[in-house]
């Protein structure tokens, strides 16, 4: 099984023209705890867009294993998880949902679970730090412990 932790952040979220967003993900292969991760930033965006982009980037990263592994995607975004699980209707960010939903359907065995943000999960806290660092222009690995 591969666990995927994702997060998005945005500074100046209410001021779209001056907003800076960050996304991050980390994958954890449960058999040996091998980890991989990545992060990035986007200008003129929102926190919800960053949450979706983080999941898209993560699924594209593990796509080559889509037919042979079981996946659990963890996010502290109720918006992202409830939409992926069919409980929320798509009203905004249709361009991203048009990418994510078909991509997720290509995976043979995938679940999407809500995780409590800023709690006791080291991986969730790590991707949160990476995403926030992206909004501040810091390197994603600054001040992070060895993954």
Protein backbone atom coordinates (compact mmCIF):
# COMPACT_ATOMS: atom_id res chain seq x y z
CA UNK A 1 0.00 0.00 0.00
CA UNK A 2 1.10 3.56 -0.69
CA UNK A 3 -0.13 6.34 1.57
CA UNK A 4 -0.19 9.82 0.06
CA UNK A 5 -0.34 12.96 2.17
CA UNK A 6 -1.20 16.21 0.40
CA UNK A 7 -1.66 19.82 1.38
CA UNK A 8 -2.17 23.23 -0.13
CA UNK A 9 -1.63 26.71 1.24
CA UNK A 10 -2.17 30.24 0.01
CA UNK A 11 -0.99 33.62 1.24
CA UNK A 12 -3.18 36.60 0.44
CA UNK A 13 -6.02 34.18 -0.29
CA UNK A 14 -8.57 37.01 -0.35
CA UNK A 15 -6.44 39.13 -2.73
CA UNK A 16 -6.31 36.93 -5.83
CA UNK A 17 -4.03 39.25 -7.83
CA UNK A 18 -1.36 39.15 -5.12
CA UNK A 19 -1.86 35.60 -3.88
CA UNK A 20 0.91 33.02 -3.73
CA UNK A 21 -0.08 29.39 -3.40
CA UNK A 22 1.91 26.35 -2.40
CA UNK A 23 1.16 22.66 -2.86
CA UNK A 24 2.98 19.62 -1.49
CA UNK A 25 2.73 15.86 -1.29
CA UNK A 26 4.62 12.98 0.24
CA UNK A 27 4.20 9.32 -0.64
CA UNK A 28 4.91 6.58 1.88
CA UNK A 29 5.32 2.99 0.75
CA UNK A 30 3.99 1.16 3.78
CA UNK A 31 6.03 -2.03 3.24
CA UNK A 32 9.37 -0.32 3.91
CA UNK A 33 8.41 3.29 4.80
CA UNK A 34 10.25 4.59 1.72
CA UNK A 35 9.18 8.17 1.10
CA UNK A 36 9.20 10.54 -1.84
CA UNK A 37 7.76 14.01 -2.11
CA UNK A 38 7.55 17.23 -4.00
CA UNK A 39 6.15 20.74 -3.74
CA UNK A 40 5.67 23.84 -5.85
CA UNK A 41 4.08 27.24 -6.00
CA UNK A 42 1.51 29.04 -8.12
CA UNK A 43 0.77 32.75 -8.37
CA UNK A 44 -2.76 34.18 -8.48
CA UNK A 45 -4.58 31.26 -6.93
CA UNK A 46 -6.59 30.12 -3.90
CA UNK A 47 -6.08 27.62 -1.10
CA UNK A 48 -8.72 25.28 -2.55
CA UNK A 49 -6.96 25.23 -5.92
CA UNK A 50 -3.72 24.35 -4.15
CA UNK A 51 -5.40 21.46 -2.33
CA UNK A 52 -6.63 20.03 -5.65
CA UNK A 53 -3.30 20.59 -7.42
CA UNK A 54 -1.45 18.78 -4.62
CA UNK A 55 -3.59 15.68 -5.18
CA UNK A 56 -3.22 15.89 -8.97
CA UNK A 57 0.58 16.15 -8.68
CA UNK A 58 0.69 13.23 -6.25
CA UNK A 59 -1.45 10.96 -8.42
CA UNK A 60 0.61 11.77 -11.48
CA UNK A 61 3.74 10.91 -9.48
CA UNK A 62 2.47 7.42 -8.51
CA UNK A 63 0.56 6.81 -11.73
CA UNK A 64 2.91 4.03 -12.93
CA UNK A 65 1.75 1.93 -9.95
CA UNK A 66 -1.96 2.57 -10.48
CA UNK A 67 -2.78 -1.02 -11.39
CA UNK A 68 -0.66 -2.84 -8.82
CA UNK A 69 -0.83 -0.88 -5.59
CA UNK A 70 -3.49 0.14 -3.12
CA UNK A 71 -3.57 3.87 -2.38
CA UNK A 72 -4.93 6.01 0.40
CA UNK A 73 -4.84 9.76 -0.18
CA UNK A 74 -4.95 11.80 3.02
CA UNK A 75 -5.82 15.48 2.98
CA UNK A 76 -6.92 17.93 5.65
CA UNK A 77 -9.12 19.62 3.04
CA UNK A 78 -12.74 18.72 3.63
CA UNK A 79 -13.53 20.44 0.31
CA UNK A 80 -11.20 18.15 -1.66
CA UNK A 81 -12.04 14.90 0.12
CA UNK A 82 -15.82 15.37 0.15
CA UNK A 83 -15.79 16.32 -3.55
CA UNK A 84 -13.66 13.29 -4.44
CA UNK A 85 -15.99 11.04 -2.46
CA UNK A 86 -19.03 12.46 -4.28
CA UNK A 87 -20.52 14.29 -1.30
CA UNK A 88 -20.01 17.85 -2.60
CA UNK A 89 -21.10 19.20 -5.95
CA UNK A 90 -18.53 20.96 -8.11
CA UNK A 91 -19.24 24.68 -8.17
CA UNK A 92 -15.75 26.14 -8.57
CA UNK A 93 -12.38 25.05 -9.93
CA UNK A 94 -14.02 22.99 -12.66
CA UNK A 95 -10.84 23.11 -14.76
CA UNK A 96 -8.94 21.25 -12.03
CA UNK A 97 -11.74 18.83 -11.21
CA UNK A 98 -11.88 17.98 -14.93
CA UNK A 99 -8.30 16.76 -14.56
CA UNK A 100 -8.47 15.16 -11.11
CA UNK A 101 -11.68 13.16 -11.29
CA UNK A 102 -10.85 11.21 -14.48
CA UNK A 103 -7.28 10.70 -13.21
CA UNK A 104 -8.49 9.25 -9.91
CA UNK A 105 -10.85 6.87 -11.73
CA UNK A 106 -7.88 5.30 -13.52
CA UNK A 107 -6.57 3.89 -10.23
CA UNK A 108 -7.70 0.36 -9.48
CA UNK A 109 -7.75 0.64 -5.69
CA UNK A 110 -7.83 4.13 -4.19
CA UNK A 111 -9.47 5.77 -1.18
CA UNK A 112 -9.65 9.41 -0.15
CA UNK A 113 -9.66 10.14 3.57
CA UNK A 114 -9.91 13.34 5.57
CA UNK A 115 -7.19 13.81 8.14
CA UNK A 116 -7.15 16.39 10.91
CA UNK A 117 -4.81 19.24 10.02
CA UNK A 118 -2.12 20.54 12.36
CA UNK A 119 -2.47 17.49 14.59
CA UNK A 120 -0.15 14.64 15.49
CA UNK A 121 0.50 13.23 12.02
CA UNK A 122 4.11 13.89 11.07
CA UNK A 123 3.54 13.44 7.34
CA UNK A 124 0.59 15.82 7.29
CA UNK A 125 2.57 18.37 9.26
CA UNK A 126 5.50 17.98 6.87
CA UNK A 127 3.47 18.64 3.71
CA UNK A 128 1.81 21.56 5.45
CA UNK A 129 5.23 23.05 6.18
CA UNK A 130 6.40 22.47 2.59
CA UNK A 131 3.28 24.09 1.12
CA UNK A 132 3.53 27.08 3.44
CA UNK A 133 7.25 27.43 2.70
CA UNK A 134 6.41 27.62 -1.01
CA UNK A 135 4.19 30.64 -0.34
CA UNK A 136 7.09 32.32 1.46
CA UNK A 137 9.68 31.62 -1.22
CA UNK A 138 11.58 29.14 0.95
CA UNK A 139 12.97 25.86 -0.26
CA UNK A 140 10.54 23.02 0.41
CA UNK A 141 13.02 21.12 2.55
CA UNK A 142 14.07 24.03 4.80
CA UNK A 143 13.63 23.17 8.46
CA UNK A 144 12.10 19.79 7.65
CA UNK A 145 13.29 16.66 9.29
CA UNK A 146 14.77 13.91 7.19
CA UNK A 147 11.98 12.12 5.39
